Amino acid sequence: MDSGLVGSEYAGHLTDADIRLLAGAAGRGSLPDGAGEDAGPGWLRRDPSLLPALLSDPGVARAVLGSDGDQVDTAPASPFLVFAVAVHQAATELEVAGYLPERTGPRQRVPLFDVPTLRDFLGSPARRLFLAELLASFTRVSSGRYRVQVRGQTRTRRYSELDPVRLAGLLDAVPESERPGVYRRLGDVSLFLTGVFPDYAAGRALGLVNAARLVRAAQVPANEAERLATAPSLELLEQLGARWYRAAWDLAPVRTARLTVVADVASRFRQARRVLNHITDRYLFAPGSPGFLQPDQ
């Protein structure tokens, strides 16, 4: 996904109020001559390639995230803008960071010195956009009911985008043409839970039956299935999430630029998860942040 397309995708998510905020908060070095808050959103709509640079501007970070991430006296912004600025700010921080805390269990941290791999992940504008879109997509979670045939009888089942076991059940109910979308969302929820709620994901006991269902849904080869089904929940979701993203890519009838990014993240799933861990700790659950409710136990 080239920079022009990335900018256009940002523009499609941002409100006019967001764009006026960006123009007003950005330093003069980030703006073209003659542009500013009083120019309105029109000039950025016409040239959205400028948006990624504005999202990294220190003045924008202060306006949207507050001083040192505390969100005091911040300007009103859409959730997507907050997430996008947090992702870009994390990329700026990792340029100089020597290490980050790595989660080894619920509420347990050890120093992680493999920061260059995370820096490389955020070096891609397309992957930054991917993370912002992922976070924004879970501000509203879909759930509902669907019908399946079980031994000749019609049964009603429930699904939720925050429950990978129930969501995986949709694979047996939707037409083959819709399965890539379900696989994509299964990858999303795996990355979201391990990235934003890692303590919940690590401490959640899926049970052998549910773990085995997820392993089957990911079409894990038989020689790996038993080992993976008994792996810790965080490791299980991390590995299955990567597999589900690859399945979305492999089965898609048309491979778009967006789906190319999904396949790229599949090969970098752990780095994506670690980046989200940092963004979550630093910004999403700070006082006044547009954070997320804890998933149901």
Protein backbone atom coordinates (compact mmCIF):
# COMPACT_ATOMS: atom_id res chain seq x y z
CA MET A 1 0.00 0.00 0.00
CA ASP A 2 1.70 3.21 -1.16
CA SER A 3 1.82 6.41 0.88
CA GLY A 4 -0.83 8.13 -1.23
CA LEU A 5 -3.32 5.33 -0.62
CA VAL A 6 -2.47 5.27 3.10
CA GLY A 7 -3.21 8.99 3.32
CA SER A 8 -6.51 8.55 1.50
CA GLU A 9 -7.51 5.78 3.90
CA TYR A 10 -6.77 8.05 6.87
CA ALA A 11 -8.86 10.80 5.29
CA GLY A 12 -11.77 8.40 4.95
CA HIS A 13 -11.77 7.76 8.71
CA LEU A 14 -11.21 11.30 9.98
CA THR A 15 -14.03 13.76 10.57
CA ASP A 16 -13.81 17.38 9.43
CA ALA A 17 -13.39 18.32 13.10
CA ASP A 18 -10.45 15.92 13.32
CA ILE A 19 -8.80 17.50 10.32
CA ARG A 20 -9.30 21.01 11.65
CA LEU A 21 -7.73 19.84 14.91
CA LEU A 22 -4.74 18.43 13.00
CA ALA A 23 -4.26 21.63 11.05
CA GLY A 24 -4.56 23.82 14.14
CA ALA A 25 -2.30 21.75 16.39
CA ALA A 26 0.47 20.88 13.95
CA GLY A 27 3.72 22.80 13.99
CA ARG A 28 4.37 25.09 11.04
CA GLY A 29 7.04 22.75 9.71
CA SER A 30 4.41 20.05 9.16
CA LEU A 31 2.11 22.29 7.12
CA PRO A 32 2.39 23.50 3.54
CA ASP A 33 2.65 27.23 2.94
CA GLY A 34 -0.64 29.02 3.41
CA ALA A 35 -2.35 26.16 5.24
CA GLY A 36 -3.61 26.28 8.80
CA GLU A 37 -6.61 25.90 11.00
CA ASP A 38 -8.46 28.71 9.25
CA ALA A 39 -8.03 26.94 5.90
CA GLY A 40 -10.60 24.32 6.95
CA PRO A 41 -10.43 20.64 6.09
CA GLY A 42 -10.54 21.14 2.34
CA TRP A 43 -6.81 21.33 1.67
CA LEU A 44 -6.09 18.12 3.58
CA ARG A 45 -8.95 16.35 1.85
CA ARG A 46 -7.40 17.39 -1.45
CA ASP A 47 -3.90 16.27 -0.45
CA PRO A 48 -4.30 13.45 2.11
CA SER A 49 -0.69 12.33 1.62
CA LEU A 50 0.16 14.97 4.27
CA LEU A 51 -1.90 13.23 6.96
CA PRO A 52 0.63 10.61 8.15
CA ALA A 53 3.20 13.33 8.87
CA LEU A 54 0.63 15.38 10.77
CA LEU A 55 -0.29 12.39 12.92
CA SER A 56 3.36 12.21 14.04
CA ASP A 57 3.61 15.94 14.80
CA PRO A 58 4.47 16.68 18.48
CA GLY A 59 1.87 19.45 18.65
CA VAL A 60 -0.84 17.05 17.49
CA ALA A 61 0.27 14.46 20.05
CA ARG A 62 -0.01 17.06 22.85
CA ALA A 63 -3.44 18.19 21.66
CA VAL A 64 -4.89 14.69 21.29
CA LEU A 65 -3.05 12.66 23.92
CA GLY A 66 -2.09 15.35 26.40
CA SER A 67 1.24 15.99 28.07
CA ASP A 68 3.19 12.75 28.57
CA GLY A 69 0.10 10.73 27.63
CA ASP A 70 -2.05 11.96 30.55
CA GLN A 71 -4.79 13.41 28.31
CA VAL A 72 -5.25 16.51 30.46
CA ASP A 73 -6.84 19.42 28.57
CA THR A 74 -6.92 17.51 25.32
CA ALA A 75 -8.97 18.61 22.33
CA PRO A 76 -12.12 16.66 21.34
CA ALA A 77 -11.16 13.99 18.82
CA SER A 78 -12.76 10.92 17.32
CA PRO A 79 -11.66 7.54 18.68
CA PHE A 80 -9.95 6.78 15.37
CA LEU A 81 -7.85 9.95 15.58
CA VAL A 82 -6.83 9.14 19.16
CA PHE A 83 -5.77 5.63 18.13
CA ALA A 84 -3.93 6.85 15.02
CA VAL A 85 -1.98 9.48 16.99
CA ALA A 86 -1.16 6.91 19.69
CA VAL A 87 0.24 4.53 17.08
CA HIS A 88 2.33 7.28 15.48
CA GLN A 89 3.52 8.53 18.85
CA ALA A 90 4.57 4.98 19.79
CA ALA A 91 6.64 4.84 16.60
CA THR A 92 8.37 8.09 17.60
CA GLU A 93 9.08 6.74 21.10
CA LEU A 94 10.53 3.48 19.79
CA GLU A 95 13.01 5.39 17.65
CA VAL A 96 14.97 6.19 20.81
CA ALA A 97 13.86 3.46 23.25
CA GLY A 98 16.48 0.96 24.38
CA TYR A 99 14.01 -1.56 25.77
CA LEU A 100 10.36 -2.09 26.60
CA PRO A 101 8.62 -4.15 29.28
CA GLU A 102 7.61 -7.57 27.93
CA ARG A 103 4.73 -9.48 29.45
CA THR A 104 5.64 -12.95 30.71
CA GLY A 105 2.36 -13.57 32.57
CA PRO A 106 -0.52 -11.73 34.22
CA ARG A 107 0.89 -8.48 35.65
CA GLN A 108 4.45 -9.74 35.13
CA ARG A 109 7.05 -7.81 33.11
CA VAL A 110 10.66 -8.31 32.08
CA PRO A 111 12.80 -5.91 29.97
CA LEU A 112 12.61 -6.60 26.24
CA PHE A 113 15.68 -5.45 24.33
CA ASP A 114 14.45 -6.54 20.91
CA VAL A 115 13.11 -3.04 20.20
CA PRO A 116 14.53 -2.86 16.62
CA THR A 117 11.98 -5.44 15.43
CA LEU A 118 9.12 -3.34 16.83
CA ARG A 119 10.68 -0.20 15.34
CA ASP A 120 10.77 -1.98 11.99
CA PHE A 121 7.12 -2.99 12.31
CA LEU A 122 6.04 0.61 12.88
CA GLY A 123 8.32 1.81 10.11
CA SER A 124 5.63 0.87 7.60
CA PRO A 125 2.87 3.50 7.12
CA ALA A 126 0.49 0.73 6.03
CA ARG A 127 1.07 -1.24 9.24
CA ARG A 128 0.50 1.90 11.34
CA LEU A 129 -2.82 2.43 9.58
CA PHE A 130 -3.67 -1.24 10.12
CA LEU A 131 -3.24 -0.93 13.90
CA ALA A 132 -5.29 2.28 14.11
CA GLU A 133 -8.11 0.67 12.10
CA LEU A 134 -7.95 -2.48 14.21
CA LEU A 135 -8.34 -0.54 17.46
CA ALA A 136 -11.14 1.62 16.08
CA SER A 137 -13.02 -1.43 14.80
CA PHE A 138 -13.48 -2.69 18.37
CA THR A 139 -15.04 0.48 19.75
CA ARG A 140 -18.30 -1.18 18.70
CA VAL A 141 -18.50 -4.96 18.83
CA SER A 142 -20.96 -6.94 16.75
CA SER A 143 -22.89 -9.88 18.15
CA GLY A 144 -25.96 -11.81 17.16
CA ARG A 145 -27.49 -15.14 16.32
CA TYR A 146 -27.24 -17.51 13.37
CA ARG A 147 -28.74 -20.86 12.40
CA VAL A 148 -26.93 -24.10 11.61
CA GLN A 149 -27.96 -27.62 10.76
CA VAL A 150 -26.86 -30.17 13.38
CA ARG A 151 -27.71 -33.81 12.60
CA GLY A 152 -30.66 -32.76 10.52
CA GLN A 153 -32.01 -30.25 13.02
CA THR A 154 -31.85 -26.45 12.91
CA ARG A 155 -30.06 -24.94 15.90
CA THR A 156 -29.64 -21.30 16.88
CA ARG A 157 -26.22 -20.21 18.05
CA ARG A 158 -24.82 -16.91 19.27
CA TYR A 159 -21.64 -15.19 18.19
CA SER A 160 -19.63 -12.23 19.46
CA GLU A 161 -16.64 -10.53 17.89
CA LEU A 162 -14.88 -10.66 21.26
CA ASP A 163 -15.33 -14.41 21.68
CA PRO A 164 -13.08 -16.30 19.23
CA VAL A 165 -14.70 -19.67 20.04
CA ARG A 166 -18.19 -18.47 19.15
CA LEU A 167 -16.95 -16.42 16.22
CA ALA A 168 -15.19 -19.47 14.79
CA GLY A 169 -18.57 -21.23 14.73
CA LEU A 170 -19.61 -18.90 11.90
CA LEU A 171 -17.22 -20.78 9.62
CA ASP A 172 -19.71 -23.67 9.56
CA ALA A 173 -22.65 -21.39 8.79
CA VAL A 174 -21.50 -18.92 6.13
CA PRO A 175 -21.02 -19.60 2.41
CA GLU A 176 -17.49 -20.40 1.31
CA SER A 177 -17.21 -16.97 -0.31
CA GLU A 178 -17.66 -15.29 3.10
CA ARG A 179 -15.14 -17.38 5.01
CA PRO A 180 -12.15 -15.12 4.25
CA GLY A 181 -13.96 -12.30 6.08
CA VAL A 182 -14.58 -14.53 9.11
CA TYR A 183 -10.93 -15.62 9.12
CA ARG A 184 -9.86 -11.98 8.94
CA ARG A 185 -12.02 -11.09 11.93
CA LEU A 186 -10.75 -14.10 13.87
CA GLY A 187 -7.23 -12.79 13.30
CA ASP A 188 -8.36 -9.34 14.41
CA VAL A 189 -9.89 -10.53 17.69
CA SER A 190 -6.81 -12.64 18.44
CA LEU A 191 -4.54 -9.63 17.94
CA PHE A 192 -6.88 -7.32 19.85
CA LEU A 193 -7.17 -9.59 22.89
CA THR A 194 -3.46 -10.40 23.09
CA GLY A 195 -2.47 -6.80 22.36
CA VAL A 196 -4.98 -4.79 24.41
CA PHE A 197 -6.04 -7.34 27.06
CA PRO A 198 -2.99 -9.63 27.36
CA ASP A 199 -3.55 -10.36 31.05
CA TYR A 200 -7.10 -11.44 30.28
CA ALA A 201 -5.94 -13.52 27.29
CA ALA A 202 -3.14 -15.13 29.29
CA GLY A 203 -5.33 -15.90 32.30
CA ARG A 204 -8.36 -17.13 30.40
CA ALA A 205 -8.70 -20.92 30.59
CA LEU A 206 -10.20 -21.94 27.25
CA GLY A 207 -10.39 -25.61 28.17
CA LEU A 208 -9.28 -28.46 25.97
CA VAL A 209 -12.58 -28.68 24.10
CA ASN A 210 -12.70 -24.99 23.11
CA ALA A 211 -8.97 -24.89 22.39
CA ALA A 212 -9.36 -27.91 20.13
CA ARG A 213 -12.24 -26.19 18.32
CA LEU A 214 -10.09 -23.16 17.64
CA VAL A 215 -7.21 -25.31 16.44
CA ARG A 216 -9.55 -27.10 14.01
CA ALA A 217 -10.93 -23.76 12.81
CA ALA A 218 -7.37 -22.71 11.98
CA GLN A 219 -6.80 -25.96 10.06
CA VAL A 220 -3.65 -26.74 12.03
CA PRO A 221 -1.89 -29.89 10.75
CA ALA A 222 -2.49 -32.98 12.87
CA ASN A 223 1.17 -33.25 13.94
CA GLU A 224 0.94 -29.76 15.54
CA ALA A 225 -2.67 -29.73 16.70
CA GLU A 226 -2.27 -31.53 20.04
CA ARG A 227 0.69 -29.43 21.14
CA LEU A 228 -1.01 -26.18 20.19
CA ALA A 229 -4.33 -27.12 21.82
CA THR A 230 -2.56 -27.50 25.17
CA ALA A 231 -0.42 -24.35 24.84
CA PRO A 232 -0.99 -21.35 27.16
CA SER A 233 -3.90 -19.21 26.00
CA LEU A 234 -1.72 -16.23 25.02
CA GLU A 235 0.54 -18.40 22.87
CA LEU A 236 -2.47 -20.22 21.39
CA LEU A 237 -4.21 -17.00 20.32
CA GLU A 238 -0.97 -15.55 18.99
CA GLN A 239 -0.28 -18.54 16.76
CA LEU A 240 -3.87 -19.01 15.66
CA GLY A 241 -4.24 -15.31 14.89
CA ALA A 242 -1.35 -15.48 12.46
CA ARG A 243 -2.82 -18.59 10.84
CA TRP A 244 -6.25 -16.99 10.50
CA TYR A 245 -4.77 -13.92 8.82
CA ARG A 246 -2.94 -16.16 6.37
CA ALA A 247 -6.14 -18.10 5.69
CA ALA A 248 -7.93 -14.83 4.91
CA TRP A 249 -5.21 -14.06 2.38
CA ASP A 250 -5.05 -17.56 0.89
CA LEU A 251 -8.81 -17.95 0.40
CA ALA A 252 -9.70 -14.43 -0.73
CA PRO A 253 -11.05 -14.39 -4.29
CA VAL A 254 -9.55 -10.91 -4.81
CA ARG A 255 -6.33 -9.83 -3.08
CA THR A 256 -6.57 -6.12 -2.39
CA ALA A 257 -3.90 -3.77 -1.06
CA ARG A 258 -5.56 -3.92 2.36
CA LEU A 259 -5.44 -7.71 2.36
CA THR A 260 -1.76 -7.58 1.44
CA VAL A 261 -1.17 -5.76 4.73
CA VAL A 262 -3.09 -8.50 6.56
CA ALA A 263 -0.77 -11.13 5.07
CA ASP A 264 2.22 -9.00 6.05
CA VAL A 265 1.00 -8.71 9.66
CA ALA A 266 0.45 -12.50 9.75
CA SER A 267 4.20 -12.96 9.44
CA ARG A 268 4.82 -10.29 12.12
CA PHE A 269 1.99 -11.13 14.50
CA ARG A 270 4.14 -11.17 17.66
CA GLN A 271 5.66 -7.79 16.85
CA ALA A 272 2.15 -6.40 16.26
CA ARG A 273 1.03 -7.78 19.61
CA ARG A 274 4.01 -6.26 21.44
CA VAL A 275 3.47 -2.87 19.83
CA LEU A 276 -0.17 -2.94 20.96
CA ASN A 277 0.93 -3.91 24.48
CA HIS A 278 3.05 -0.76 24.59
CA ILE A 279 0.32 1.47 23.14
CA THR A 280 -2.20 0.06 25.60
CA ASP A 281 -0.02 0.59 28.66
CA ARG A 282 1.07 4.03 27.53
CA TYR A 283 -2.15 5.54 26.21
CA LEU A 284 -5.32 3.47 26.05
CA PHE A 285 -5.89 3.00 29.76
CA ALA A 286 -4.57 6.36 30.88
CA PRO A 287 -7.09 8.57 32.78
CA GLY A 288 -9.64 10.00 30.36
CA SER A 289 -8.61 7.74 27.48
CA PRO A 290 -11.14 6.24 25.04
CA GLY A 291 -10.27 2.79 26.36
CA PHE A 292 -12.16 -0.46 26.11
CA LEU A 293 -14.32 -2.35 28.54
CA GLN A 294 -12.85 -5.57 29.91
CA PRO A 295 -14.17 -8.58 27.94
CA ASP A 296 -16.68 -10.76 29.74
CA GLN A 297 -15.14 -13.54 31.74
